[in-house]
């Protein structure tokens, strides 16, 4: 299952709606797109969760810690405001997906 498929499953289960996306290209170095996506979100004031590929990585403002994708409880999802998705975090591009506020 791809990261975007996981993301769609969560959006369907929680009612989260996509607000936009930002594509992050891979620059040739290991994890370059993932690290750039993480830096971009942190510069915008987001806390980025723990990476556990192939699942997406959740992000939110106002939280000090975000668990790995599969450890986020259903009642915690309304607080998630963005996520990083990609099929190959080491050697591929990533996409930052933003959610509309509930």
Foldseek 3Di string as FASTA:
>chain_A
DAQVVVVVVLCVLQVWAWDDKDKFWFPAAFLRQVVVVCVVQVVVQKDWADDDPPYKIFIAHPDPYDYYPVPQDSVNVLRTFWIKGDRHSTGGMIMITGTDHD
